[in-house]
Amino acid sequence: MRRVPSFALLLVSLLTLGACAGTMRWEKPGADQAMAQNDSAECRQAAQREAFRYYSPPFPYWYGWPYGRGPSYMAYRMSWESDRFSTENRLQAFCMRSRGYELVRVEQAKAKE
């Protein structure tokens, strides 16, 4: 009997969960979709600038430690990018909420209209 790799099960479960999560969008009373998209783009740009400023590496990182031991550049870079991406998303959400928007789930029936 063949064993299914654990990463394959994780991938399938994440895709299933993502399909069930639905679509989210920012809404504000009195704002149309174009205004919400414009505000979201402005907040995204401001969040990107701030996240890049905060997560700029303080020193140039070399490709691995001497003698092949220690963390690699790829592991360092993946960790750095993950932290920057998370911070960027939090900053954008903060900006949109400060402008009076709320993140709401788009209903399937509403999306079909």
C-alpha atoms as a PDB file:
ATOM      1  CA  MET A   1       0.000   0.000   0.000  1.00  0.00           C
ATOM      2  CA  ARG A   2       1.361   3.389  -0.987  1.00  0.00           C
ATOM      3  CA  ARG A   3       1.524   6.138   1.600  1.00  0.00           C
ATOM      4  CA  VAL A   4       0.324   9.650   0.676  1.00  0.00           C
ATOM      5  CA  PRO A   5       2.951  12.312   1.478  1.00  0.00           C
ATOM      6  CA  SER A   6       1.936  14.664   4.269  1.00  0.00           C
ATOM      7  CA  PHE A   7       2.612  17.768   2.164  1.00  0.00           C
ATOM      8  CA  ALA A   8       0.072  16.517  -0.417  1.00  0.00           C
ATOM      9  CA  LEU A   9      -2.589  16.214   2.271  1.00  0.00           C
ATOM     10  CA  LEU A  10      -1.719  19.675   3.555  1.00  0.00           C
ATOM     11  CA  LEU A  11      -1.955  21.149   0.064  1.00  0.00           C
ATOM     12  CA  VAL A  12      -5.353  19.552  -0.611  1.00  0.00           C
ATOM     13  CA  SER A  13      -6.729  20.711   2.746  1.00  0.00           C
ATOM     14  CA  LEU A  14      -5.502  24.283   2.194  1.00  0.00           C
ATOM     15  CA  LEU A  15      -7.030  24.433  -1.270  1.00  0.00           C
ATOM     16  CA  THR A  16     -10.328  23.093   0.064  1.00  0.00           C
ATOM     17  CA  LEU A  17     -10.330  25.592   2.911  1.00  0.00           C
ATOM     18  CA  GLY A  18      -9.504  28.419   0.520  1.00  0.00           C
ATOM     19  CA  ALA A  19     -12.410  27.501  -1.742  1.00  0.00           C
ATOM     20  CA  CYS A  20     -14.814  27.560   1.196  1.00  0.00           C
ATOM     21  CA  ALA A  21     -13.556  30.856   2.582  1.00  0.00           C
ATOM     22  CA  GLY A  22     -15.297  32.932  -0.064  1.00  0.00           C
ATOM     23  CA  THR A  23     -14.380  36.315  -1.448  1.00  0.00           C
ATOM     24  CA  MET A  24     -13.837  39.319   0.783  1.00  0.00           C
ATOM     25  CA  ARG A  25     -14.018  43.011  -0.098  1.00  0.00           C
ATOM     26  CA  TRP A  26     -13.869  46.370   1.615  1.00  0.00           C
ATOM     27  CA  GLU A  27     -17.184  48.218   2.032  1.00  0.00           C
ATOM     28  CA  LYS A  28     -18.105  51.581   3.503  1.00  0.00           C
ATOM     29  CA  PRO A  29     -21.493  53.287   3.678  1.00  0.00           C
ATOM     30  CA  GLY A  30     -21.728  55.847   0.902  1.00  0.00           C
ATOM     31  CA  ALA A  31     -18.727  54.543  -1.049  1.00  0.00           C
ATOM     32  CA  ASP A  32     -19.038  52.897  -4.430  1.00  0.00           C
ATOM     33  CA  GLN A  33     -16.785  50.106  -5.695  1.00  0.00           C
ATOM     34  CA  ALA A  34     -14.493  52.467  -7.651  1.00  0.00           C
ATOM     35  CA  MET A  35     -13.884  54.594  -4.558  1.00  0.00           C
ATOM     36  CA  ALA A  36     -13.164  51.477  -2.474  1.00  0.00           C
ATOM     37  CA  GLN A  37     -10.674  50.207  -5.059  1.00  0.00           C
ATOM     38  CA  ASN A  38      -8.945  53.598  -5.204  1.00  0.00           C
ATOM     39  CA  ASP A  39      -8.667  53.784  -1.396  1.00  0.00           C
ATOM     40  CA  SER A  40      -7.440  50.193  -1.265  1.00  0.00           C
ATOM     41  CA  ALA A  41      -4.730  50.919  -3.853  1.00  0.00           C
ATOM     42  CA  GLU A  42      -3.588  54.010  -1.910  1.00  0.00           C
ATOM     43  CA  CYS A  43      -3.471  52.033   1.344  1.00  0.00           C
ATOM     44  CA  ARG A  44      -1.607  49.164  -0.343  1.00  0.00           C
ATOM     45  CA  GLN A  45       1.049  51.533  -1.701  1.00  0.00           C
ATOM     46  CA  ALA A  46       1.512  53.215   1.691  1.00  0.00           C
ATOM     47  CA  ALA A  47       1.698  49.812   3.404  1.00  0.00           C
ATOM     48  CA  GLN A  48       4.288  48.569   0.897  1.00  0.00           C
ATOM     49  CA  ARG A  49       6.482  51.631   1.465  1.00  0.00           C
ATOM     50  CA  GLU A  50       6.311  51.257   5.235  1.00  0.00           C
ATOM     51  CA  ALA A  51       6.885  47.491   5.221  1.00  0.00           C
ATOM     52  CA  PHE A  52       9.905  47.823   2.907  1.00  0.00           C
ATOM     53  CA  ARG A  53      11.311  50.550   5.146  1.00  0.00           C
ATOM     54  CA  TYR A  54      10.896  48.403   8.240  1.00  0.00           C
ATOM     55  CA  TYR A  55      12.098  45.145   6.697  1.00  0.00           C
ATOM     56  CA  SER A  56      15.142  46.358   4.796  1.00  0.00           C
ATOM     57  CA  PRO A  57      18.044  44.087   5.772  1.00  0.00           C
ATOM     58  CA  PRO A  58      20.457  45.868   8.142  1.00  0.00           C
ATOM     59  CA  PHE A  59      23.498  44.184   6.607  1.00  0.00           C
ATOM     60  CA  PRO A  60      24.326  42.340   3.405  1.00  0.00           C
ATOM     61  CA  TYR A  61      23.766  38.649   3.925  1.00  0.00           C
ATOM     62  CA  TRP A  62      26.287  36.261   2.432  1.00  0.00           C
ATOM     63  CA  TYR A  63      25.450  32.937   0.823  1.00  0.00           C
ATOM     64  CA  GLY A  64      25.623  30.599   3.797  1.00  0.00           C
ATOM     65  CA  TRP A  65      27.993  30.332   6.701  1.00  0.00           C
ATOM     66  CA  PRO A  66      31.596  29.158   6.407  1.00  0.00           C
ATOM     67  CA  TYR A  67      32.069  25.428   5.890  1.00  0.00           C
ATOM     68  CA  GLY A  68      28.461  24.956   4.760  1.00  0.00           C
ATOM     69  CA  ARG A  69      26.914  25.203   8.230  1.00  0.00           C
ATOM     70  CA  GLY A  70      24.191  27.497   9.440  1.00  0.00           C
ATOM     71  CA  PRO A  71      21.218  29.120   7.735  1.00  0.00           C
ATOM     72  CA  SER A  72      21.253  29.609   4.004  1.00  0.00           C
ATOM     73  CA  TYR A  73      20.461  32.786   2.158  1.00  0.00           C
ATOM     74  CA  MET A  74      17.250  31.258   0.786  1.00  0.00           C
ATOM     75  CA  ALA A  75      15.926  30.443   4.273  1.00  0.00           C
ATOM     76  CA  TYR A  76      16.794  33.957   5.442  1.00  0.00           C
ATOM     77  CA  ARG A  77      15.148  35.557   2.413  1.00  0.00           C
ATOM     78  CA  MET A  78      11.964  33.455   2.705  1.00  0.00           C
ATOM     79  CA  SER A  79      11.603  34.384   6.374  1.00  0.00           C
ATOM     80  CA  TRP A  80      12.208  38.046   5.614  1.00  0.00           C
ATOM     81  CA  GLU A  81       9.675  38.101   2.751  1.00  0.00           C
ATOM     82  CA  SER A  82       7.062  36.299   4.846  1.00  0.00           C
ATOM     83  CA  ASP A  83       7.389  38.806   7.674  1.00  0.00           C
ATOM     84  CA  ARG A  84       7.272  41.743   5.269  1.00  0.00           C
ATOM     85  CA  PHE A  85       4.172  40.387   3.512  1.00  0.00           C
ATOM     86  CA  SER A  86       2.319  39.852   6.807  1.00  0.00           C
ATOM     87  CA  THR A  87       3.191  43.332   8.013  1.00  0.00           C
ATOM     88  CA  GLU A  88       2.123  44.841   4.707  1.00  0.00           C
ATOM     89  CA  ASN A  89      -1.301  43.170   4.926  1.00  0.00           C
ATOM     90  CA  ARG A  90      -1.815  44.315   8.522  1.00  0.00           C
ATOM     91  CA  LEU A  91      -0.845  47.892   7.632  1.00  0.00           C
ATOM     92  CA  GLN A  92      -3.225  47.947   4.672  1.00  0.00           C
ATOM     93  CA  ALA A  93      -6.080  46.650   6.832  1.00  0.00           C
ATOM     94  CA  PHE A  94      -5.327  49.302   9.457  1.00  0.00           C
ATOM     95  CA  CYS A  95      -5.333  52.033   6.805  1.00  0.00           C
ATOM     96  CA  MET A  96      -8.643  50.890   5.326  1.00  0.00           C
ATOM     97  CA  ARG A  97     -10.299  50.598   8.742  1.00  0.00           C
ATOM     98  CA  SER A  98      -9.073  54.072   9.672  1.00  0.00           C
ATOM     99  CA  ARG A  99     -10.846  55.360   6.551  1.00  0.00           C
ATOM    100  CA  GLY A 100     -14.104  53.787   7.739  1.00  0.00           C
ATOM    101  CA  TYR A 101     -14.135  50.582   5.683  1.00  0.00           C
ATOM    102  CA  GLU A 102     -15.029  47.109   6.936  1.00  0.00           C
ATOM    103  CA  LEU A 103     -13.946  43.835   5.362  1.00  0.00           C
ATOM    104  CA  VAL A 104     -17.063  41.827   4.479  1.00  0.00           C
ATOM    105  CA  ARG A 105     -17.653  38.489   2.776  1.00  0.00           C
ATOM    106  CA  VAL A 106     -19.271  38.626  -0.639  1.00  0.00           C
ATOM    107  CA  GLU A 107     -22.247  36.294  -0.672  1.00  0.00           C
ATOM    108  CA  GLN A 108     -22.499  33.806  -3.513  1.00  0.00           C
ATOM    109  CA  ALA A 109     -25.962  35.033  -4.493  1.00  0.00           C
ATOM    110  CA  LYS A 110     -24.779  38.639  -4.468  1.00  0.00           C
ATOM    111  CA  ALA A 111     -21.750  37.764  -6.595  1.00  0.00           C
ATOM    112  CA  LYS A 112     -23.986  36.161  -9.283  1.00  0.00           C
ATOM    113  CA  GLU A 113     -26.033  39.342  -9.750  1.00  0.00           C
END
